[in-house]
N, C-alpha and C. Protein backbone atom coordinates (compact mmCIF):
# COMPACT_ATOMS: atom_id res chain seq x y z
N MET A 1 -42.65 -23.46 -46.41
CA MET A 1 -41.72 -22.32 -45.83
C MET A 1 -40.39 -23.07 -46.19
N THR A 2 -40.09 -24.68 -46.59
CA THR A 2 -38.80 -24.81 -46.59
C THR A 2 -38.51 -24.46 -48.06
N THR A 3 -39.40 -24.58 -48.95
CA THR A 3 -39.28 -24.14 -50.31
C THR A 3 -38.61 -22.62 -50.12
N ALA A 4 -39.19 -21.87 -49.08
CA ALA A 4 -39.18 -20.49 -49.37
C ALA A 4 -37.69 -20.00 -49.28
N ILE A 5 -37.35 -20.62 -48.18
CA ILE A 5 -35.89 -20.60 -47.27
C ILE A 5 -35.13 -21.28 -48.41
N ILE A 6 -35.03 -22.29 -48.77
CA ILE A 6 -34.30 -23.00 -49.77
C ILE A 6 -34.01 -21.63 -51.36
N ALA A 7 -35.10 -21.11 -51.36
CA ALA A 7 -35.30 -19.89 -52.83
C ALA A 7 -34.61 -18.95 -51.85
N GLY A 8 -34.10 -18.55 -50.95
CA GLY A 8 -33.61 -17.40 -50.44
C GLY A 8 -33.99 -16.47 -49.31
N ALA A 9 -35.21 -16.85 -49.29
CA ALA A 9 -35.88 -16.01 -48.13
C ALA A 9 -35.78 -15.94 -46.83
N ALA A 10 -35.99 -15.06 -45.94
CA ALA A 10 -35.51 -15.10 -44.95
C ALA A 10 -36.39 -15.93 -43.86
N PRO A 11 -35.77 -16.64 -43.08
CA PRO A 11 -36.55 -17.67 -41.93
C PRO A 11 -38.32 -16.28 -41.75
N GLY A 12 -37.55 -15.38 -40.93
CA GLY A 12 -38.72 -14.60 -40.44
C GLY A 12 -39.80 -14.08 -41.70
N ALA A 13 -39.20 -13.68 -42.62
CA ALA A 13 -40.07 -13.37 -43.53
C ALA A 13 -41.44 -14.70 -44.08
N ALA A 14 -40.32 -15.76 -44.12
CA ALA A 14 -41.28 -16.96 -44.94
C ALA A 14 -42.32 -17.24 -43.45
N ALA A 15 -41.95 -17.37 -42.32
CA ALA A 15 -43.22 -17.49 -41.46
C ALA A 15 -44.40 -16.25 -41.36
N THR A 16 -44.00 -14.94 -41.69
CA THR A 16 -45.07 -14.17 -41.69
C THR A 16 -45.54 -13.91 -42.65
N ALA A 17 -45.15 -14.43 -44.05
CA ALA A 17 -45.97 -15.08 -45.10
C ALA A 17 -47.17 -15.77 -45.24
N LEU A 18 -46.54 -17.03 -44.24
CA LEU A 18 -47.20 -17.82 -44.36
C LEU A 18 -48.39 -17.64 -43.22
N GLU A 19 -48.31 -16.78 -42.29
CA GLU A 19 -49.40 -16.55 -41.60
C GLU A 19 -50.55 -15.97 -41.95
N ASN A 20 -50.66 -15.81 -43.04
CA ASN A 20 -51.68 -14.97 -44.30
C ASN A 20 -52.23 -15.92 -45.19
N VAL A 21 -51.26 -17.29 -45.25
CA VAL A 21 -51.83 -18.01 -46.18
C VAL A 21 -53.26 -18.84 -45.62
N LYS A 22 -54.13 -18.88 -46.42
CA LYS A 22 -55.32 -19.65 -46.38
C LYS A 22 -55.28 -20.96 -46.73
N PRO A 23 -55.90 -21.98 -45.65
CA PRO A 23 -55.98 -23.49 -46.29
C PRO A 23 -56.73 -24.03 -47.32
N LEU A 24 -56.38 -24.46 -47.87
CA LEU A 24 -57.08 -25.24 -48.98
C LEU A 24 -58.51 -26.04 -48.45
N ARG A 25 -59.44 -25.77 -49.13
CA ARG A 25 -60.79 -25.91 -48.45
C ARG A 25 -60.82 -27.22 -48.44
N ARG A 26 -61.10 -27.78 -47.17
CA ARG A 26 -61.51 -29.49 -47.10
C ARG A 26 -60.42 -30.48 -47.24
N ARG A 27 -58.88 -29.43 -47.01
CA ARG A 27 -57.85 -30.19 -47.12
C ARG A 27 -57.33 -29.93 -45.55
N MET A 28 -57.77 -30.90 -44.38
CA MET A 28 -57.57 -30.93 -42.97
C MET A 28 -57.76 -29.45 -42.63
N GLU A 29 -58.93 -28.57 -43.42
CA GLU A 29 -59.34 -27.89 -42.78
C GLU A 29 -59.79 -27.99 -41.63
N MET A 30 -59.51 -26.48 -40.45
CA MET A 30 -60.01 -26.89 -39.07
C MET A 30 -61.57 -25.26 -39.03
N LEU A 31 -62.58 -26.11 -38.61
CA LEU A 31 -63.42 -25.26 -38.76
C LEU A 31 -63.45 -24.43 -37.42
N GLU A 32 -63.15 -23.09 -37.73
CA GLU A 32 -63.51 -21.89 -36.62
C GLU A 32 -64.64 -21.91 -35.89
N SER A 33 -64.06 -21.37 -34.38
CA SER A 33 -65.71 -20.83 -33.69
C SER A 33 -66.42 -22.04 -33.37
N MET A 34 -65.53 -23.17 -33.54
CA MET A 34 -66.82 -24.15 -32.95
C MET A 34 -66.09 -24.45 -31.68
N SER A 35 -67.06 -25.10 -30.84
CA SER A 35 -67.28 -25.66 -29.45
C SER A 35 -66.30 -26.94 -29.54
N THR A 36 -66.14 -27.72 -30.49
CA THR A 36 -65.08 -28.92 -30.87
C THR A 36 -64.54 -28.45 -31.71
N THR A 37 -63.25 -29.34 -31.71
CA THR A 37 -62.72 -29.27 -32.66
C THR A 37 -62.51 -30.17 -33.32
N ILE A 38 -62.55 -29.95 -34.77
CA ILE A 38 -63.18 -30.72 -36.36
C ILE A 38 -62.51 -30.22 -37.34
N LEU A 39 -62.17 -31.19 -37.94
CA LEU A 39 -61.29 -31.19 -38.89
C LEU A 39 -61.84 -32.04 -39.55
N ASP A 40 -61.70 -31.25 -40.95
CA ASP A 40 -62.80 -31.46 -42.23
C ASP A 40 -61.46 -32.12 -43.37
N ASP A 41 -61.84 -33.11 -43.89
CA ASP A 41 -61.09 -33.29 -45.31
C ASP A 41 -61.63 -34.24 -46.08
N THR A 42 -60.99 -33.86 -47.26
CA THR A 42 -61.82 -34.43 -48.40
C THR A 42 -61.00 -36.05 -49.14
N VAL A 43 -60.72 -36.64 -48.06
CA VAL A 43 -60.13 -37.63 -48.15
C VAL A 43 -60.68 -38.81 -49.35
N GLY A 44 -60.14 -39.11 -50.58
CA GLY A 44 -60.81 -39.67 -51.87
C GLY A 44 -59.90 -41.39 -52.03
N ASN A 45 -58.75 -41.27 -51.20
CA ASN A 45 -57.72 -42.71 -51.56
C ASN A 45 -57.11 -43.10 -50.39
N PRO A 46 -56.83 -44.43 -50.12
CA PRO A 46 -56.27 -44.58 -48.94
C PRO A 46 -55.10 -44.40 -48.76
N ALA A 47 -54.00 -43.41 -49.12
CA ALA A 47 -53.16 -42.90 -48.82
C ALA A 47 -53.68 -41.66 -48.22
N SER A 48 -54.14 -40.55 -48.98
CA SER A 48 -54.81 -39.57 -47.75
C SER A 48 -55.59 -40.09 -46.67
N ILE A 49 -55.93 -41.15 -46.43
CA ILE A 49 -56.82 -41.66 -45.35
C ILE A 49 -55.57 -41.79 -44.26
N PHE A 50 -54.19 -42.33 -44.82
CA PHE A 50 -53.25 -42.71 -43.71
C PHE A 50 -53.15 -41.53 -43.36
N ALA A 51 -52.91 -40.47 -44.25
CA ALA A 51 -51.97 -38.89 -44.06
C ALA A 51 -52.93 -38.23 -43.07
N ILE A 52 -54.18 -38.67 -42.95
CA ILE A 52 -55.18 -38.11 -41.68
C ILE A 52 -54.80 -39.15 -40.29
N PHE A 53 -54.18 -39.97 -40.29
CA PHE A 53 -54.22 -40.98 -39.11
C PHE A 53 -52.70 -40.31 -38.78
N GLU A 54 -51.86 -40.15 -39.70
CA GLU A 54 -50.52 -39.76 -39.51
C GLU A 54 -50.53 -38.24 -38.84
N THR A 55 -51.13 -37.75 -39.26
CA THR A 55 -51.29 -36.02 -38.93
C THR A 55 -51.78 -36.18 -37.32
N LEU A 56 -53.02 -36.89 -37.15
CA LEU A 56 -53.43 -37.29 -35.74
C LEU A 56 -52.35 -37.66 -34.60
N ARG A 57 -51.45 -38.54 -35.15
CA ARG A 57 -50.22 -38.69 -34.08
C ARG A 57 -49.67 -37.25 -33.64
N ALA A 58 -49.93 -36.48 -34.07
CA ALA A 58 -49.11 -35.28 -33.59
C ALA A 58 -49.99 -34.45 -32.46
N PHE A 59 -51.33 -34.49 -32.09
CA PHE A 59 -52.28 -34.55 -31.55
C PHE A 59 -51.76 -34.62 -30.51
N ALA A 60 -52.09 -34.72 -29.45
CA ALA A 60 -52.55 -35.21 -27.82
C ALA A 60 -53.22 -36.18 -27.73
N GLU A 61 -53.15 -37.16 -27.07
CA GLU A 61 -54.24 -38.46 -27.06
C GLU A 61 -55.34 -37.79 -26.72
N ARG A 62 -56.50 -37.59 -27.67
CA ARG A 62 -57.68 -37.38 -27.36
C ARG A 62 -58.42 -38.24 -28.09
N PRO A 63 -60.01 -38.05 -27.28
CA PRO A 63 -60.98 -39.33 -28.46
C PRO A 63 -60.94 -38.72 -29.31
N VAL A 64 -61.37 -39.61 -30.27
CA VAL A 64 -61.58 -39.28 -31.90
C VAL A 64 -62.92 -39.90 -32.43
N ARG A 65 -63.31 -38.86 -32.82
CA ARG A 65 -64.98 -39.64 -33.54
C ARG A 65 -65.14 -39.18 -35.36
N ILE A 66 -65.38 -40.17 -35.52
CA ILE A 66 -64.98 -40.33 -37.36
C ILE A 66 -66.51 -40.13 -37.76
N VAL A 67 -66.50 -39.19 -38.73
CA VAL A 67 -67.97 -39.31 -39.53
C VAL A 67 -67.42 -39.68 -41.04
N TYR A 68 -67.36 -40.67 -41.92
CA TYR A 68 -66.70 -41.10 -42.86
C TYR A 68 -67.87 -40.98 -44.14
N ALA A 69 -67.95 -40.25 -45.03
CA ALA A 69 -69.12 -40.48 -46.09
C ALA A 69 -68.15 -41.13 -47.12
N ILE A 70 -69.00 -42.52 -47.74
CA ILE A 70 -68.59 -43.14 -49.04
C ILE A 70 -68.60 -42.63 -50.13
N ARG A 71 -67.39 -43.08 -51.08
CA ARG A 71 -67.56 -42.28 -52.17
C ARG A 71 -68.64 -42.91 -52.85
N GLY A 72 -69.56 -42.03 -53.61
CA GLY A 72 -69.95 -42.74 -54.60
C GLY A 72 -69.90 -42.74 -56.01
N ALA A 73 -70.28 -43.35 -56.62
CA ALA A 73 -70.14 -43.53 -58.42
C ALA A 73 -68.41 -43.74 -58.85
N ARG A 74 -67.81 -44.29 -57.74
CA ARG A 74 -66.45 -44.53 -57.78
C ARG A 74 -66.28 -45.65 -58.08
N GLY A 75 -67.44 -46.98 -57.47
CA GLY A 75 -66.98 -48.39 -57.54
C GLY A 75 -66.72 -49.04 -56.81
N ILE A 76 -66.70 -50.42 -56.56
CA ILE A 76 -66.20 -51.28 -55.38
C ILE A 76 -64.87 -51.22 -55.23
N ALA A 77 -64.19 -51.46 -56.10
CA ALA A 77 -62.56 -51.42 -55.66
C ALA A 77 -61.77 -50.43 -54.46
N ILE A 78 -62.38 -49.21 -55.03
CA ILE A 78 -61.66 -47.48 -54.25
C ILE A 78 -62.24 -47.88 -53.07
N ASN A 79 -63.95 -48.23 -53.05
CA ASN A 79 -64.46 -48.13 -51.51
C ASN A 79 -63.74 -49.47 -50.64
N THR A 80 -63.81 -50.47 -51.34
CA THR A 80 -62.96 -51.52 -50.15
C THR A 80 -61.49 -51.14 -50.16
N SER A 81 -60.36 -50.52 -50.33
CA SER A 81 -59.13 -50.04 -49.98
C SER A 81 -59.62 -48.95 -49.35
N ASN A 82 -60.19 -48.02 -49.55
CA ASN A 82 -60.42 -46.96 -48.61
C ASN A 82 -60.94 -47.82 -47.19
N ALA A 83 -61.85 -48.34 -47.16
CA ALA A 83 -62.27 -48.90 -45.97
C ALA A 83 -61.43 -49.87 -44.93
N LYS A 84 -60.30 -50.15 -45.94
CA LYS A 84 -59.62 -51.01 -45.00
C LYS A 84 -58.69 -49.77 -44.65
N ALA A 85 -58.47 -48.67 -45.12
CA ALA A 85 -57.28 -47.62 -44.42
C ALA A 85 -58.24 -47.12 -43.64
N LEU A 86 -59.37 -46.92 -43.77
CA LEU A 86 -60.38 -46.23 -42.48
C LEU A 86 -60.04 -47.32 -41.33
N ALA A 87 -60.24 -48.42 -41.46
CA ALA A 87 -60.32 -49.38 -40.25
C ALA A 87 -59.23 -49.37 -39.98
N SER A 88 -58.07 -49.77 -40.36
CA SER A 88 -56.40 -49.58 -39.84
C SER A 88 -56.21 -48.10 -38.86
N GLY A 89 -56.62 -47.40 -39.40
CA GLY A 89 -56.45 -46.12 -38.68
C GLY A 89 -57.25 -45.60 -37.44
N ALA A 90 -58.56 -46.11 -37.71
CA ALA A 90 -59.57 -46.02 -36.66
C ALA A 90 -59.21 -46.85 -35.43
N ALA A 91 -58.42 -48.19 -36.04
CA ALA A 91 -57.95 -49.25 -34.75
C ALA A 91 -56.75 -48.29 -33.93
N GLU A 92 -55.97 -47.61 -34.84
CA GLU A 92 -55.16 -46.77 -34.07
C GLU A 92 -55.08 -46.26 -33.41
N CYS A 93 -56.31 -45.47 -33.57
CA CYS A 93 -56.81 -44.05 -32.58
C CYS A 93 -57.83 -44.34 -31.60
N ALA A 94 -58.23 -45.99 -31.77
CA ALA A 94 -59.30 -46.12 -31.24
C ALA A 94 -60.74 -44.97 -31.56
N ALA A 95 -60.90 -45.14 -32.42
CA ALA A 95 -62.32 -44.19 -32.80
C ALA A 95 -63.21 -44.37 -32.83
N THR A 96 -64.58 -43.63 -32.64
CA THR A 96 -65.62 -44.05 -32.73
C THR A 96 -66.13 -43.64 -34.33
N LEU A 97 -66.50 -44.67 -35.13
CA LEU A 97 -66.94 -44.19 -36.71
C LEU A 97 -68.32 -44.50 -36.78
N THR A 98 -68.80 -43.47 -37.25
CA THR A 98 -69.93 -43.32 -38.32
C THR A 98 -69.63 -43.30 -39.69
N VAL A 99 -70.28 -44.01 -40.21
CA VAL A 99 -70.36 -44.30 -41.89
C VAL A 99 -71.78 -43.81 -42.27
N THR A 100 -72.04 -42.90 -43.33
CA THR A 100 -73.11 -42.78 -44.32
C THR A 100 -73.10 -42.80 -45.55
N SER A 101 -73.52 -42.96 -46.38
CA SER A 101 -73.97 -42.86 -47.72
C SER A 101 -74.37 -41.16 -48.48
N SER A 102 -74.53 -40.43 -47.21
CA SER A 102 -74.75 -38.96 -47.77
C SER A 102 -76.16 -38.92 -48.49
N GLU A 103 -76.80 -39.94 -48.26
CA GLU A 103 -78.17 -39.86 -48.91
C GLU A 103 -78.86 -38.67 -49.19
N ASP A 104 -78.91 -37.60 -48.02
CA ASP A 104 -79.51 -36.22 -48.36
C ASP A 104 -78.62 -35.15 -48.71
N ALA A 105 -77.05 -35.51 -49.11
CA ALA A 105 -76.66 -34.54 -49.30
C ALA A 105 -75.56 -34.69 -51.00
N ALA A 106 -75.35 -35.86 -51.32
CA ALA A 106 -74.99 -36.23 -52.43
C ALA A 106 -75.98 -35.92 -53.96
N ASN A 107 -74.90 -35.43 -54.53
CA ASN A 107 -75.78 -35.13 -55.71
C ASN A 107 -76.15 -36.38 -56.58
N GLU A 108 -76.78 -36.45 -57.71
CA GLU A 108 -76.92 -37.36 -58.48
C GLU A 108 -75.66 -38.40 -59.11
N ARG A 109 -74.78 -37.25 -59.52
CA ARG A 109 -73.41 -37.78 -60.25
C ARG A 109 -72.79 -38.79 -59.05
N ASN A 110 -72.95 -38.49 -57.83
CA ASN A 110 -72.46 -38.96 -56.42
C ASN A 110 -72.60 -39.61 -55.60
N ARG A 111 -73.92 -40.43 -55.62
CA ARG A 111 -74.90 -41.33 -55.30
C ARG A 111 -74.02 -42.58 -55.12
N VAL A 112 -74.26 -42.93 -53.97
CA VAL A 112 -73.68 -44.17 -53.61
C VAL A 112 -74.67 -45.51 -53.79
N THR A 113 -73.97 -46.69 -54.23
CA THR A 113 -74.64 -47.69 -55.07
C THR A 113 -74.59 -48.16 -53.76
N ASP A 114 -75.71 -49.18 -53.88
CA ASP A 114 -75.69 -50.65 -52.48
C ASP A 114 -74.85 -51.13 -52.67
N ALA A 115 -74.13 -51.43 -53.62
CA ALA A 115 -73.05 -52.29 -53.64
C ALA A 115 -71.77 -51.54 -52.90
N GLU A 116 -71.82 -50.30 -53.65
CA GLU A 116 -70.66 -49.65 -52.69
C GLU A 116 -70.60 -49.90 -51.22
N ARG A 117 -71.88 -49.28 -50.97
CA ARG A 117 -72.29 -48.89 -49.32
C ARG A 117 -71.88 -50.20 -48.66
N ASP A 118 -72.02 -51.40 -49.49
CA ASP A 118 -72.30 -53.21 -48.70
C ASP A 118 -70.82 -53.35 -48.41
N ALA A 119 -70.10 -52.95 -49.61
CA ALA A 119 -68.71 -53.24 -49.83
C ALA A 119 -67.64 -52.78 -48.65
N VAL A 120 -68.38 -51.33 -48.43
CA VAL A 120 -67.50 -50.57 -46.95
C VAL A 120 -67.89 -51.37 -45.94
N LEU A 121 -69.11 -51.31 -45.86
CA LEU A 121 -69.57 -52.19 -44.20
C LEU A 121 -69.02 -53.17 -44.47
N GLU A 122 -68.91 -54.26 -44.88
CA GLU A 122 -68.60 -55.35 -45.17
C GLU A 122 -67.15 -55.49 -44.45
N VAL A 123 -66.33 -54.95 -45.15
CA VAL A 123 -64.65 -54.67 -45.02
C VAL A 123 -65.04 -54.22 -43.24
N LEU A 124 -65.52 -53.30 -42.80
CA LEU A 124 -65.30 -52.72 -41.63
C LEU A 124 -65.94 -53.89 -40.82
N ARG A 125 -66.80 -54.29 -40.69
CA ARG A 125 -67.10 -55.78 -40.36
C ARG A 125 -66.13 -56.62 -40.29
N LEU A 126 -65.30 -57.42 -41.44
CA LEU A 126 -64.47 -58.55 -41.49
C LEU A 126 -63.26 -57.75 -40.68
N GLU A 127 -62.78 -56.43 -40.61
CA GLU A 127 -61.76 -56.13 -39.95
C GLU A 127 -62.19 -56.19 -38.51
N GLY A 128 -63.20 -55.76 -38.09
CA GLY A 128 -63.61 -55.85 -36.99
C GLY A 128 -63.58 -54.48 -35.99
N THR A 129 -63.83 -53.51 -37.00
CA THR A 129 -63.69 -52.03 -36.69
C THR A 129 -65.47 -51.45 -36.26
N PRO A 130 -65.64 -51.65 -34.88
CA PRO A 130 -66.65 -50.98 -34.62
C PRO A 130 -67.56 -49.67 -35.41
N PHE A 131 -68.65 -49.78 -35.39
CA PHE A 131 -69.18 -48.36 -36.72
C PHE A 131 -70.75 -48.68 -36.30
N GLN A 132 -71.74 -47.44 -36.50
CA GLN A 132 -72.58 -46.91 -36.68
C GLN A 132 -73.13 -46.69 -38.24
N TYR A 133 -73.93 -47.02 -38.69
CA TYR A 133 -74.49 -46.51 -40.46
C TYR A 133 -75.55 -45.46 -40.08
N GLU A 134 -75.45 -44.53 -40.58
CA GLU A 134 -76.63 -43.38 -40.80
C GLU A 134 -76.70 -43.20 -42.47
N PRO A 135 -77.73 -43.39 -43.20
CA PRO A 135 -77.77 -42.93 -44.37
C PRO A 135 -77.79 -41.77 -44.84
N THR A 136 -78.21 -40.72 -44.02
CA THR A 136 -77.87 -39.20 -44.33
C THR A 136 -76.70 -38.92 -43.69
N LEU A 137 -76.20 -37.94 -44.13
CA LEU A 137 -75.07 -36.96 -43.40
C LEU A 137 -75.48 -36.49 -42.57
N ARG A 138 -76.31 -35.32 -42.40
CA ARG A 138 -77.26 -34.91 -41.63
C ARG A 138 -77.24 -35.57 -39.95
N GLN A 139 -77.41 -36.47 -40.28
CA GLN A 139 -78.27 -37.75 -38.87
C GLN A 139 -76.94 -38.37 -38.74
N ALA A 140 -75.93 -38.50 -39.23
CA ALA A 140 -74.55 -39.01 -39.67
C ALA A 140 -73.66 -37.98 -38.16
N ILE A 141 -73.66 -36.63 -38.99
CA ILE A 141 -72.63 -35.80 -38.22
C ILE A 141 -73.63 -35.59 -36.59
N GLN A 142 -74.84 -35.08 -36.82
CA GLN A 142 -75.73 -34.78 -35.50
C GLN A 142 -75.55 -36.05 -34.46
N ARG A 143 -75.46 -37.23 -34.73
CA ARG A 143 -75.18 -38.21 -33.99
C ARG A 143 -73.83 -38.17 -33.28
N THR A 144 -72.69 -37.68 -34.07
CA THR A 144 -71.31 -37.76 -33.42
C THR A 144 -71.21 -36.33 -32.77
N LEU A 145 -71.24 -35.37 -33.03
CA LEU A 145 -71.21 -34.22 -33.01
C LEU A 145 -71.86 -33.87 -31.16
N MET A 146 -73.44 -34.52 -30.88
CA MET A 146 -74.33 -34.88 -30.11
C MET A 146 -73.09 -35.58 -29.02
N ALA A 147 -72.54 -36.69 -28.95
CA ALA A 147 -71.81 -37.30 -28.33
C ALA A 147 -70.36 -36.84 -28.16
N ALA A 148 -69.79 -35.80 -28.90
CA ALA A 148 -68.46 -35.57 -28.72
C ALA A 148 -68.27 -34.58 -27.32
N GLY A 149 -67.14 -34.62 -26.78
CA GLY A 149 -67.02 -33.94 -25.74
C GLY A 149 -65.89 -33.01 -26.17
N ARG A 150 -65.74 -31.77 -25.06
CA ARG A 150 -64.75 -30.85 -25.70
C ARG A 150 -63.39 -31.16 -26.11
N ASP A 151 -63.10 -32.40 -25.77
CA ASP A 151 -61.49 -32.72 -25.75
C ASP A 151 -61.55 -33.20 -26.55
N ASP A 152 -62.52 -33.87 -27.35
CA ASP A 152 -62.64 -34.84 -28.74
C ASP A 152 -62.42 -33.97 -29.78
N ILE A 153 -61.30 -35.07 -30.71
CA ILE A 153 -61.35 -34.42 -32.29
C ILE A 153 -62.39 -34.88 -32.92
N VAL A 154 -63.30 -34.15 -34.25
CA VAL A 154 -64.27 -34.76 -34.46
C VAL A 154 -63.58 -34.39 -36.05
N LEU A 155 -63.40 -36.26 -36.84
CA LEU A 155 -63.24 -35.97 -38.33
C LEU A 155 -64.45 -36.15 -39.38
N LEU A 156 -64.60 -35.00 -40.14
CA LEU A 156 -65.56 -35.10 -41.09
C LEU A 156 -64.38 -35.13 -42.90
N LEU A 157 -64.41 -36.74 -42.73
CA LEU A 157 -63.83 -37.49 -44.04
C LEU A 157 -64.54 -37.70 -44.96
N GLY A 158 -63.83 -37.20 -45.81
CA GLY A 158 -64.75 -38.32 -47.78
C GLY A 158 -65.13 -37.49 -48.51
N ALA A 159 -65.11 -37.44 -49.78
CA ALA A 159 -65.03 -36.73 -50.78
C ALA A 159 -66.00 -35.93 -50.89
N GLN A 160 -66.72 -36.07 -52.28
CA GLN A 160 -68.12 -35.33 -52.59
C GLN A 160 -69.51 -35.42 -51.91
N GLY A 161 -69.38 -36.73 -50.90
CA GLY A 161 -70.87 -37.00 -50.21
C GLY A 161 -70.60 -35.90 -49.02
N MET A 162 -69.13 -35.68 -48.58
CA MET A 162 -69.12 -34.60 -47.08
C MET A 162 -68.94 -33.25 -47.52
N ASP A 163 -69.05 -32.94 -48.99
CA ASP A 163 -68.82 -31.32 -49.00
C ASP A 163 -69.82 -30.21 -48.30
N ARG A 164 -70.84 -31.07 -47.82
CA ARG A 164 -71.30 -30.10 -46.73
C ARG A 164 -71.49 -30.28 -45.75
N GLY A 165 -70.20 -31.18 -45.49
CA GLY A 165 -70.35 -31.70 -43.58
C GLY A 165 -70.00 -30.12 -42.94
N ALA A 166 -69.14 -29.40 -43.28
CA ALA A 166 -68.80 -28.36 -42.13
C ALA A 166 -69.95 -27.53 -41.97
N GLU A 167 -70.73 -27.21 -43.22
CA GLU A 167 -72.05 -26.66 -43.18
C GLU A 167 -72.69 -26.99 -42.02
N ILE A 168 -73.38 -28.56 -42.29
CA ILE A 168 -73.99 -29.13 -41.19
C ILE A 168 -73.68 -28.98 -40.16
N ALA A 169 -72.10 -29.43 -39.53
CA ALA A 169 -71.90 -29.15 -38.23
C ALA A 169 -71.87 -27.85 -37.71
N ARG A 170 -71.84 -26.67 -37.98
CA ARG A 170 -72.06 -25.47 -38.02
C ARG A 170 -73.50 -25.24 -37.70
N GLU A 171 -74.33 -25.74 -38.28
CA GLU A 171 -76.08 -26.00 -38.22
C GLU A 171 -76.29 -26.28 -36.52
N VAL A 172 -75.65 -27.97 -36.85
CA VAL A 172 -75.85 -28.50 -35.68
C VAL A 172 -75.63 -27.95 -34.33
N LEU A 173 -74.69 -27.49 -34.58
CA LEU A 173 -73.75 -26.87 -33.16
C LEU A 173 -74.37 -25.39 -32.93
N GLY A 174 -74.88 -24.95 -33.91
CA GLY A 174 -75.62 -23.60 -33.81
C GLY A 174 -74.03 -22.30 -33.68
N ASP A 175 -73.67 -22.58 -34.56
CA ASP A 175 -72.41 -21.70 -35.06
C ASP A 175 -72.27 -21.41 -36.25
N GLY A 176 -73.69 -21.35 -36.99
CA GLY A 176 -73.28 -20.85 -38.65
C GLY A 176 -74.54 -19.99 -38.58
C-alpha cells in the first residue's frame, strides 16, 4: 500500500485494491473456515522464523502451539540454525512445540536424514526448549490440533515437509 501511495495512488483506491489481493501460498497464510486460528508459513531460514515470532507480537497474548517440520536434504548447518531460532521464538511466547520429520509427507528429494533430525532435537534439548517429536506430519498436526483451544494460535511451520500441512489440518478438523 505504501508503494502505491508513493507512486501517486489515492489511499482509498490502494486500500480497495488490497482487499482483493490473495496472500502468497504458505506465507503467513491464515486457513479459513477453521475452528482454530491456524497460520501456515514455509519458514526456511532463521530470518523467516524470527519474522513469524515478530508477527505474533501483534496478536493479543494467546496460547501458541507450533508444528515444526524439519528441513530435509538441506544439511545439518541450516537445521541447527533454524532450531536455534525456533527455540528462541518458542521461549518468547511460551509455545507448545511439536517437531516432525514428515516421514509420511516429504518426497524422496526432501527426506530428513537421521543427522538432520538429531541436530534439530539436540539444539532444542540444549536450549531447554520443551518439545514432543512425532515422525509423521499427520500425527504431529493431529496431536497439536486435538490439544488446541479456540483461543490458541496454531503455527504450521516448515518448508517442503509442511507442504501438506493445511490439507491435513482441514482433514483432522473436518473442515476440508
